[in-house]
């Protein structure tokens, strides 16, 4: 049986509070009782709907720990509170693990909600007028994704040889409509979709705020480095649990759930081969 524990962190204080839990243990002993970390929203849903059923068939009893703060899940994984997590892309995992001296690794990438350009003012990108404001994420990783999406839409251009993982406003060589970039925290962007003429909103924040991916004027053609991954402690990369998680995610049953319940999520290259 799966159990869910809602966890919230108090930013700046570091307190973690367990708000509730339900369910009972199952499986074949302690080795089959596992905890999976996730942020509340689409990837917690993906765990519940597409991954945990397959793990339960293999005899696991799974507790889902939901976090509100992105800085907490990897620390809880490294400390042993969780056995795996699903909430971050490869770039974030690599940077966070390096900056905090954590021995973590990714197992497999999963379909991921793409960033989108949203607007209450325009129905298509062709209607955009010169000099309008577009709200974009202010962190370097998600900001780079926004600029790549705008380039693919034909709204801006870069010189050859730029690094797609670090591209910034300083790398823009042509801004055809003289767009004005307003940099904000990613979590603030969904409400800016109704305040600013345009907003580039990461998929997880869009879904959590009730935005429909299908209504975006443009959706990101995501690099694989920006697709979310299941992460585990490096020492557990070859464990039975790690192999079982990969087997579940690589199964036909997993893809069927993705196609029906997460249809606008972009699939990683290994699923398209």
C-alpha atoms as a PDB file:
ATOM      1  CA  UNK A   1       0.000   0.000   0.000  1.00  0.00           C
ATOM      2  CA  UNK A   2       1.241   3.519  -0.705  1.00  0.00           C
ATOM      3  CA  UNK A   3       1.449   6.121   2.005  1.00  0.00           C
ATOM      4  CA  UNK A   4       1.755   9.845   1.625  1.00  0.00           C
ATOM      5  CA  UNK A   5       3.390  12.261   4.032  1.00  0.00           C
ATOM      6  CA  UNK A   6       3.024  15.984   3.411  1.00  0.00           C
ATOM      7  CA  UNK A   7       6.115  17.879   4.474  1.00  0.00           C
ATOM      8  CA  UNK A   8       6.623  21.628   4.528  1.00  0.00           C
ATOM      9  CA  UNK A   9       9.840  23.517   5.156  1.00  0.00           C
ATOM     10  CA  UNK A  10      10.125  26.895   6.803  1.00  0.00           C
ATOM     11  CA  UNK A  11      12.507  28.804   4.558  1.00  0.00           C
ATOM     12  CA  UNK A  12      15.302  30.504   6.460  1.00  0.00           C
ATOM     13  CA  UNK A  13      14.717  28.425   9.582  1.00  0.00           C
ATOM     14  CA  UNK A  14      15.269  24.954   8.187  1.00  0.00           C
ATOM     15  CA  UNK A  15      12.440  23.336  10.128  1.00  0.00           C
ATOM     16  CA  UNK A  16      10.716  20.335   8.571  1.00  0.00           C
ATOM     17  CA  UNK A  17       7.237  19.527   9.793  1.00  0.00           C
ATOM     18  CA  UNK A  18       5.331  16.307   9.112  1.00  0.00           C
ATOM     19  CA  UNK A  19       1.707  17.235   8.557  1.00  0.00           C
ATOM     20  CA  UNK A  20       0.142  13.817   8.199  1.00  0.00           C
ATOM     21  CA  UNK A  21       0.420  10.214   7.038  1.00  0.00           C
ATOM     22  CA  UNK A  22      -1.881   7.387   6.128  1.00  0.00           C
ATOM     23  CA  UNK A  23      -1.717   3.779   5.031  1.00  0.00           C
ATOM     24  CA  UNK A  24       0.095   0.739   6.350  1.00  0.00           C
ATOM     25  CA  UNK A  25       3.375  -0.984   5.664  1.00  0.00           C
ATOM     26  CA  UNK A  26       3.609  -3.804   3.193  1.00  0.00           C
ATOM     27  CA  UNK A  27       6.132  -5.685   1.092  1.00  0.00           C
ATOM     28  CA  UNK A  28       8.606  -8.374   1.987  1.00  0.00           C
ATOM     29  CA  UNK A  29      10.339  -6.864   4.998  1.00  0.00           C
ATOM     30  CA  UNK A  30      12.108  -3.603   5.693  1.00  0.00           C
ATOM     31  CA  UNK A  31      13.999  -3.603   2.379  1.00  0.00           C
ATOM     32  CA  UNK A  32      10.655  -3.253   0.593  1.00  0.00           C
ATOM     33  CA  UNK A  33       9.485  -0.269   2.670  1.00  0.00           C
ATOM     34  CA  UNK A  34      10.736   2.803   0.832  1.00  0.00           C
ATOM     35  CA  UNK A  35      10.231   6.572   0.800  1.00  0.00           C
ATOM     36  CA  UNK A  36      10.073   8.613  -2.399  1.00  0.00           C
ATOM     37  CA  UNK A  37      10.577  12.383  -2.244  1.00  0.00           C
ATOM     38  CA  UNK A  38       8.759  14.777  -4.581  1.00  0.00           C
ATOM     39  CA  UNK A  39       7.512  18.330  -4.764  1.00  0.00           C
ATOM     40  CA  UNK A  40       3.756  18.715  -4.635  1.00  0.00           C
ATOM     41  CA  UNK A  41       2.185  18.853  -8.075  1.00  0.00           C
ATOM     42  CA  UNK A  42       2.649  16.982 -11.362  1.00  0.00           C
ATOM     43  CA  UNK A  43       5.623  14.845 -10.346  1.00  0.00           C
ATOM     44  CA  UNK A  44       4.023  13.717  -7.131  1.00  0.00           C
ATOM     45  CA  UNK A  45       1.065  12.788  -9.340  1.00  0.00           C
ATOM     46  CA  UNK A  46       3.365  10.950 -11.732  1.00  0.00           C
ATOM     47  CA  UNK A  47       4.738   8.942  -8.833  1.00  0.00           C
ATOM     48  CA  UNK A  48       1.272   8.051  -7.587  1.00  0.00           C
ATOM     49  CA  UNK A  49      -0.279   7.258 -10.951  1.00  0.00           C
ATOM     50  CA  UNK A  50       2.538   5.901 -13.105  1.00  0.00           C
ATOM     51  CA  UNK A  51       5.420   4.660 -10.922  1.00  0.00           C
ATOM     52  CA  UNK A  52       4.182   3.483  -7.519  1.00  0.00           C
ATOM     53  CA  UNK A  53       1.662   0.957  -8.930  1.00  0.00           C
ATOM     54  CA  UNK A  54       4.516  -0.815 -10.696  1.00  0.00           C
ATOM     55  CA  UNK A  55       6.668  -0.793  -7.573  1.00  0.00           C
ATOM     56  CA  UNK A  56       3.779  -2.161  -5.502  1.00  0.00           C
ATOM     57  CA  UNK A  57       3.489  -5.041  -7.972  1.00  0.00           C
ATOM     58  CA  UNK A  58       7.124  -5.778  -7.159  1.00  0.00           C
ATOM     59  CA  UNK A  59       6.285  -5.936  -3.449  1.00  0.00           C
ATOM     60  CA  UNK A  60       7.265  -2.444  -2.309  1.00  0.00           C
ATOM     61  CA  UNK A  61       5.367  -0.337   0.205  1.00  0.00           C
ATOM     62  CA  UNK A  62       5.938   3.273  -0.810  1.00  0.00           C
ATOM     63  CA  UNK A  63       5.658   6.454   1.254  1.00  0.00           C
ATOM     64  CA  UNK A  64       5.595   9.709  -0.722  1.00  0.00           C
ATOM     65  CA  UNK A  65       7.174  12.664   1.079  1.00  0.00           C
ATOM     66  CA  UNK A  66       5.977  15.905  -0.517  1.00  0.00           C
ATOM     67  CA  UNK A  67       8.123  19.037  -0.116  1.00  0.00           C
ATOM     68  CA  UNK A  68       7.333  22.681  -0.731  1.00  0.00           C
ATOM     69  CA  UNK A  69      10.962  23.838  -0.912  1.00  0.00           C
ATOM     70  CA  UNK A  70      13.294  22.679  -3.685  1.00  0.00           C
ATOM     71  CA  UNK A  71      16.331  22.824  -1.394  1.00  0.00           C
ATOM     72  CA  UNK A  72      15.026  20.111   0.944  1.00  0.00           C
ATOM     73  CA  UNK A  73      14.453  16.895  -1.111  1.00  0.00           C
ATOM     74  CA  UNK A  74      18.088  16.253  -2.047  1.00  0.00           C
ATOM     75  CA  UNK A  75      19.219  16.755   1.536  1.00  0.00           C
ATOM     76  CA  UNK A  76      16.587  14.292   2.719  1.00  0.00           C
ATOM     77  CA  UNK A  77      17.721  11.815   0.067  1.00  0.00           C
ATOM     78  CA  UNK A  78      21.382  12.153   1.049  1.00  0.00           C
ATOM     79  CA  UNK A  79      20.554  11.770   4.754  1.00  0.00           C
ATOM     80  CA  UNK A  80      18.632   8.528   4.170  1.00  0.00           C
ATOM     81  CA  UNK A  81      15.166   9.880   4.928  1.00  0.00           C
ATOM     82  CA  UNK A  82      14.191   9.156   1.319  1.00  0.00           C
ATOM     83  CA  UNK A  83      15.406   6.360  -0.934  1.00  0.00           C
ATOM     84  CA  UNK A  84      14.792   8.206  -4.207  1.00  0.00           C
ATOM     85  CA  UNK A  85      13.257  11.444  -5.419  1.00  0.00           C
ATOM     86  CA  UNK A  86      11.569  12.909  -8.471  1.00  0.00           C
ATOM     87  CA  UNK A  87      11.346  16.693  -8.824  1.00  0.00           C
ATOM     88  CA  UNK A  88      14.440  18.077 -10.594  1.00  0.00           C
ATOM     89  CA  UNK A  89      16.233  18.060 -13.916  1.00  0.00           C
ATOM     90  CA  UNK A  90      19.797  16.916 -14.470  1.00  0.00           C
ATOM     91  CA  UNK A  91      21.295  20.416 -14.471  1.00  0.00           C
ATOM     92  CA  UNK A  92      19.780  21.253 -11.084  1.00  0.00           C
ATOM     93  CA  UNK A  93      20.823  17.890  -9.610  1.00  0.00           C
ATOM     94  CA  UNK A  94      24.416  18.276 -10.783  1.00  0.00           C
ATOM     95  CA  UNK A  95      24.710  21.853  -9.508  1.00  0.00           C
ATOM     96  CA  UNK A  96      23.036  21.205  -6.153  1.00  0.00           C
ATOM     97  CA  UNK A  97      25.017  18.041  -5.449  1.00  0.00           C
ATOM     98  CA  UNK A  98      28.291  19.751  -6.337  1.00  0.00           C
ATOM     99  CA  UNK A  99      27.593  22.885  -4.282  1.00  0.00           C
ATOM    100  CA  UNK A 100      26.503  20.869  -1.233  1.00  0.00           C
ATOM    101  CA  UNK A 101      28.979  17.964  -1.480  1.00  0.00           C
ATOM    102  CA  UNK A 102      26.235  15.355  -1.852  1.00  0.00           C
ATOM    103  CA  UNK A 103      26.871  11.980  -3.476  1.00  0.00           C
ATOM    104  CA  UNK A 104      23.729  11.724  -5.620  1.00  0.00           C
ATOM    105  CA  UNK A 105      23.123  10.431  -9.117  1.00  0.00           C
ATOM    106  CA  UNK A 106      20.290  10.161 -11.615  1.00  0.00           C
ATOM    107  CA  UNK A 107      18.820   6.831 -12.689  1.00  0.00           C
ATOM    108  CA  UNK A 108      16.529   7.681 -15.574  1.00  0.00           C
ATOM    109  CA  UNK A 109      14.812  10.707 -17.075  1.00  0.00           C
ATOM    110  CA  UNK A 110      11.020  10.941 -17.277  1.00  0.00           C
ATOM    111  CA  UNK A 111       8.485  12.875 -19.361  1.00  0.00           C
ATOM    112  CA  UNK A 112       8.531  16.472 -18.219  1.00  0.00           C
ATOM    113  CA  UNK A 113       6.090  19.363 -18.402  1.00  0.00           C
ATOM    114  CA  UNK A 114       7.578  21.914 -20.817  1.00  0.00           C
ATOM    115  CA  UNK A 115       7.948  25.615 -20.222  1.00  0.00           C
ATOM    116  CA  UNK A 116       5.368  27.616 -22.138  1.00  0.00           C
ATOM    117  CA  UNK A 117       4.685  31.193 -23.218  1.00  0.00           C
ATOM    118  CA  UNK A 118       1.286  32.253 -21.865  1.00  0.00           C
ATOM    119  CA  UNK A 119      -0.785  35.353 -22.526  1.00  0.00           C
ATOM    120  CA  UNK A 120      -4.240  36.736 -21.807  1.00  0.00           C
ATOM    121  CA  UNK A 121      -3.621  39.509 -24.334  1.00  0.00           C
ATOM    122  CA  UNK A 122      -2.501  37.633 -27.430  1.00  0.00           C
ATOM    123  CA  UNK A 123      -3.931  34.524 -29.095  1.00  0.00           C
ATOM    124  CA  UNK A 124      -0.827  33.742 -31.184  1.00  0.00           C
ATOM    125  CA  UNK A 125       2.804  34.799 -31.325  1.00  0.00           C
ATOM    126  CA  UNK A 126       2.095  36.505 -34.669  1.00  0.00           C
ATOM    127  CA  UNK A 127      -0.025  39.110 -32.844  1.00  0.00           C
ATOM    128  CA  UNK A 128       2.792  40.267 -30.546  1.00  0.00           C
ATOM    129  CA  UNK A 129       3.519  43.957 -30.878  1.00  0.00           C
ATOM    130  CA  UNK A 130       6.860  45.703 -30.724  1.00  0.00           C
ATOM    131  CA  UNK A 131       8.251  46.590 -27.325  1.00  0.00           C
ATOM    132  CA  UNK A 132       5.956  44.416 -25.167  1.00  0.00           C
ATOM    133  CA  UNK A 133       7.081  43.018 -21.832  1.00  0.00           C
ATOM    134  CA  UNK A 134       7.636  39.318 -21.260  1.00  0.00           C
ATOM    135  CA  UNK A 135       8.164  37.928 -17.764  1.00  0.00           C
ATOM    136  CA  UNK A 136      10.876  35.257 -17.599  1.00  0.00           C
ATOM    137  CA  UNK A 137      12.510  33.263 -14.771  1.00  0.00           C
ATOM    138  CA  UNK A 138      15.325  35.110 -13.028  1.00  0.00           C
ATOM    139  CA  UNK A 139      17.415  32.017 -12.220  1.00  0.00           C
ATOM    140  CA  UNK A 140      20.114  31.200 -14.813  1.00  0.00           C
ATOM    141  CA  UNK A 141      18.899  27.674 -15.608  1.00  0.00           C
ATOM    142  CA  UNK A 142      15.250  28.457 -16.280  1.00  0.00           C
ATOM    143  CA  UNK A 143      16.168  31.797 -17.812  1.00  0.00           C
ATOM    144  CA  UNK A 144      18.306  29.970 -20.393  1.00  0.00           C
ATOM    145  CA  UNK A 145      15.353  27.712 -21.193  1.00  0.00           C
ATOM    146  CA  UNK A 146      13.131  30.744 -21.774  1.00  0.00           C
ATOM    147  CA  UNK A 147      15.624  32.365 -24.133  1.00  0.00           C
ATOM    148  CA  UNK A 148      16.058  29.133 -26.120  1.00  0.00           C
ATOM    149  CA  UNK A 149      12.274  28.874 -26.479  1.00  0.00           C
ATOM    150  CA  UNK A 150      12.058  32.461 -27.714  1.00  0.00           C
ATOM    151  CA  UNK A 151      14.840  31.776 -30.196  1.00  0.00           C
ATOM    152  CA  UNK A 152      13.061  28.684 -31.525  1.00  0.00           C
ATOM    153  CA  UNK A 153       9.885  30.764 -31.897  1.00  0.00           C
ATOM    154  CA  UNK A 154      11.849  33.183 -34.077  1.00  0.00           C
ATOM    155  CA  UNK A 155      11.532  36.145 -31.708  1.00  0.00           C
ATOM    156  CA  UNK A 156      15.225  36.520 -30.828  1.00  0.00           C
ATOM    157  CA  UNK A 157      18.549  35.285 -32.231  1.00  0.00           C
ATOM    158  CA  UNK A 158      21.946  34.353 -30.817  1.00  0.00           C
ATOM    159  CA  UNK A 159      25.403  34.293 -32.322  1.00  0.00           C
ATOM    160  CA  UNK A 160      26.767  30.870 -33.238  1.00  0.00           C
ATOM    161  CA  UNK A 161      28.667  28.968 -30.561  1.00  0.00           C
ATOM    162  CA  UNK A 162      26.602  29.917 -27.518  1.00  0.00           C
ATOM    163  CA  UNK A 163      26.221  27.379 -24.708  1.00  0.00           C
ATOM    164  CA  UNK A 164      22.507  26.464 -24.615  1.00  0.00           C
ATOM    165  CA  UNK A 165      22.708  25.659 -20.903  1.00  0.00           C
ATOM    166  CA  UNK A 166      23.990  29.091 -19.893  1.00  0.00           C
ATOM    167  CA  UNK A 167      22.608  31.453 -22.545  1.00  0.00           C
ATOM    168  CA  UNK A 168      21.414  34.789 -21.149  1.00  0.00           C
ATOM    169  CA  UNK A 169      20.086  38.159 -22.256  1.00  0.00           C
ATOM    170  CA  UNK A 170      23.693  39.221 -22.861  1.00  0.00           C
ATOM    171  CA  UNK A 171      24.004  36.648 -25.648  1.00  0.00           C
ATOM    172  CA  UNK A 172      21.102  37.999 -27.715  1.00  0.00           C
ATOM    173  CA  UNK A 173      22.324  39.269 -31.091  1.00  0.00           C
ATOM    174  CA  UNK A 174      18.914  40.210 -32.519  1.00  0.00           C
ATOM    175  CA  UNK A 175      15.669  41.126 -30.766  1.00  0.00           C
ATOM    176  CA  UNK A 176      13.299  41.654 -33.698  1.00  0.00           C
ATOM    177  CA  UNK A 177      10.396  43.087 -31.708  1.00  0.00           C
ATOM    178  CA  UNK A 178      12.503  44.808 -29.054  1.00  0.00           C
ATOM    179  CA  UNK A 179      10.942  42.638 -26.347  1.00  0.00           C
ATOM    180  CA  UNK A 180      11.385  43.899 -22.793  1.00  0.00           C
ATOM    181  CA  UNK A 181      12.473  41.142 -20.401  1.00  0.00           C
ATOM    182  CA  UNK A 182      11.198  41.274 -16.821  1.00  0.00           C
ATOM    183  CA  UNK A 183      13.063  38.754 -14.647  1.00  0.00           C
ATOM    184  CA  UNK A 184      11.077  37.271 -11.735  1.00  0.00           C
ATOM    185  CA  UNK A 185      11.147  34.262  -9.410  1.00  0.00           C
ATOM    186  CA  UNK A 186       9.798  31.253 -11.299  1.00  0.00           C
ATOM    187  CA  UNK A 187       7.052  30.675  -8.717  1.00  0.00           C
ATOM    188  CA  UNK A 188       5.692  34.187  -9.383  1.00  0.00           C
ATOM    189  CA  UNK A 189       5.345  33.701 -13.135  1.00  0.00           C
ATOM    190  CA  UNK A 190       1.921  31.983 -13.361  1.00  0.00           C
ATOM    191  CA  UNK A 191       0.107  35.051 -12.033  1.00  0.00           C
ATOM    192  CA  UNK A 192       2.134  37.248 -14.375  1.00  0.00           C
ATOM    193  CA  UNK A 193       0.446  35.462 -17.287  1.00  0.00           C
ATOM    194  CA  UNK A 194      -2.546  37.669 -16.543  1.00  0.00           C
ATOM    195  CA  UNK A 195      -0.591  40.785 -15.570  1.00  0.00           C
ATOM    196  CA  UNK A 196       2.142  41.035 -18.184  1.00  0.00           C
ATOM    197  CA  UNK A 197       1.404  40.727 -21.935  1.00  0.00           C
ATOM    198  CA  UNK A 198       3.557  37.570 -22.046  1.00  0.00           C
ATOM    199  CA  UNK A 199       5.018  35.196 -19.457  1.00  0.00           C
ATOM    200  CA  UNK A 200       7.389  32.261 -19.864  1.00  0.00           C
ATOM    201  CA  UNK A 201       6.288  29.806 -17.179  1.00  0.00           C
ATOM    202  CA  UNK A 202       8.032  26.503 -16.291  1.00  0.00           C
ATOM    203  CA  UNK A 203       5.655  23.573 -16.683  1.00  0.00           C
ATOM    204  CA  UNK A 204       5.498  22.493 -13.047  1.00  0.00           C
ATOM    205  CA  UNK A 205       4.576  25.996 -11.879  1.00  0.00           C
ATOM    206  CA  UNK A 206       2.056  26.358 -14.702  1.00  0.00           C
ATOM    207  CA  UNK A 207       0.276  23.128 -13.774  1.00  0.00           C
ATOM    208  CA  UNK A 208       0.352  23.838 -10.043  1.00  0.00           C
ATOM    209  CA  UNK A 209      -1.321  27.203 -10.748  1.00  0.00           C
ATOM    210  CA  UNK A 210      -4.040  25.625 -12.890  1.00  0.00           C
ATOM    211  CA  UNK A 211      -2.710  26.759 -16.278  1.00  0.00           C
ATOM    212  CA  UNK A 212      -3.426  24.394 -19.169  1.00  0.00           C
ATOM    213  CA  UNK A 213      -0.326  23.435 -21.159  1.00  0.00           C
ATOM    214  CA  UNK A 214      -2.518  23.183 -24.261  1.00  0.00           C
ATOM    215  CA  UNK A 215      -3.296  26.927 -24.090  1.00  0.00           C
ATOM    216  CA  UNK A 216       0.337  28.065 -24.291  1.00  0.00           C
ATOM    217  CA  UNK A 217       1.214  30.154 -27.337  1.00  0.00           C
ATOM    218  CA  UNK A 218       4.452  28.181 -27.572  1.00  0.00           C
ATOM    219  CA  UNK A 219       5.800  25.128 -25.757  1.00  0.00           C
ATOM    220  CA  UNK A 220       9.453  24.437 -25.159  1.00  0.00           C
ATOM    221  CA  UNK A 221      11.317  21.879 -27.246  1.00  0.00           C
ATOM    222  CA  UNK A 222      13.197  20.738 -24.176  1.00  0.00           C
ATOM    223  CA  UNK A 223      16.816  19.623 -24.068  1.00  0.00           C
ATOM    224  CA  UNK A 224      17.220  16.267 -22.321  1.00  0.00           C
ATOM    225  CA  UNK A 225      19.322  17.940 -19.611  1.00  0.00           C
ATOM    226  CA  UNK A 226      16.162  19.804 -18.563  1.00  0.00           C
ATOM    227  CA  UNK A 227      13.956  16.730 -18.282  1.00  0.00           C
ATOM    228  CA  UNK A 228      13.257  15.589 -14.750  1.00  0.00           C
ATOM    229  CA  UNK A 229      15.087  12.586 -13.395  1.00  0.00           C
ATOM    230  CA  UNK A 230      14.714  10.028 -10.657  1.00  0.00           C
ATOM    231  CA  UNK A 231      17.670  10.514  -8.305  1.00  0.00           C
ATOM    232  CA  UNK A 232      19.192   8.159  -5.735  1.00  0.00           C
ATOM    233  CA  UNK A 233      22.288   8.117  -3.565  1.00  0.00           C
ATOM    234  CA  UNK A 234      25.338   7.270  -5.675  1.00  0.00           C
ATOM    235  CA  UNK A 235      26.038   4.208  -3.522  1.00  0.00           C
ATOM    236  CA  UNK A 236      22.603   2.823  -4.433  1.00  0.00           C
ATOM    237  CA  UNK A 237      22.881   3.280  -8.206  1.00  0.00           C
ATOM    238  CA  UNK A 238      23.217  -0.465  -8.805  1.00  0.00           C
ATOM    239  CA  UNK A 239      20.853  -1.573  -6.038  1.00  0.00           C
ATOM    240  CA  UNK A 240      17.820  -3.800  -6.550  1.00  0.00           C
ATOM    241  CA  UNK A 241      15.554  -0.819  -5.875  1.00  0.00           C
ATOM    242  CA  UNK A 242      17.304   1.284  -8.496  1.00  0.00           C
ATOM    243  CA  UNK A 243      16.947  -1.455 -11.082  1.00  0.00           C
ATOM    244  CA  UNK A 244      13.293  -1.960 -10.193  1.00  0.00           C
ATOM    245  CA  UNK A 245      12.552   1.768 -10.535  1.00  0.00           C
ATOM    246  CA  UNK A 246      14.158   1.829 -13.986  1.00  0.00           C
ATOM    247  CA  UNK A 247      12.263  -1.278 -15.030  1.00  0.00           C
ATOM    248  CA  UNK A 248       8.938   0.281 -14.008  1.00  0.00           C
ATOM    249  CA  UNK A 249       9.662   3.551 -15.839  1.00  0.00           C
ATOM    250  CA  UNK A 250      10.834   1.739 -18.967  1.00  0.00           C
ATOM    251  CA  UNK A 251       7.697  -0.418 -19.071  1.00  0.00           C
ATOM    252  CA  UNK A 252       4.797  -0.195 -21.517  1.00  0.00           C
ATOM    253  CA  UNK A 253       2.444   0.341 -18.576  1.00  0.00           C
ATOM    254  CA  UNK A 254       4.300   3.508 -17.567  1.00  0.00           C
ATOM    255  CA  UNK A 255       4.150   4.945 -21.093  1.00  0.00           C
ATOM    256  CA  UNK A 256       0.441   4.160 -21.347  1.00  0.00           C
ATOM    257  CA  UNK A 257      -0.278   6.215 -18.226  1.00  0.00           C
ATOM    258  CA  UNK A 258       1.900   9.053 -19.547  1.00  0.00           C
ATOM    259  CA  UNK A 259       0.039   9.077 -22.879  1.00  0.00           C
ATOM    260  CA  UNK A 260      -3.355   9.246 -21.190  1.00  0.00           C
ATOM    261  CA  UNK A 261      -2.755  11.343 -18.062  1.00  0.00           C
ATOM    262  CA  UNK A 262       0.304  13.464 -18.978  1.00  0.00           C
ATOM    263  CA  UNK A 263      -0.202  13.906 -22.711  1.00  0.00           C
ATOM    264  CA  UNK A 264       1.456  17.344 -23.066  1.00  0.00           C
ATOM    265  CA  UNK A 265       4.610  16.258 -21.253  1.00  0.00           C
ATOM    266  CA  UNK A 266       7.663  16.044 -23.497  1.00  0.00           C
ATOM    267  CA  UNK A 267       9.234  12.599 -23.575  1.00  0.00           C
ATOM    268  CA  UNK A 268      12.995  12.081 -23.151  1.00  0.00           C
ATOM    269  CA  UNK A 269      14.935  10.848 -26.151  1.00  0.00           C
ATOM    270  CA  UNK A 270      15.190   7.273 -24.820  1.00  0.00           C
ATOM    271  CA  UNK A 271      11.391   6.951 -25.030  1.00  0.00           C
ATOM    272  CA  UNK A 272      11.344   8.185 -28.624  1.00  0.00           C
ATOM    273  CA  UNK A 273      13.972   5.752 -29.917  1.00  0.00           C
END
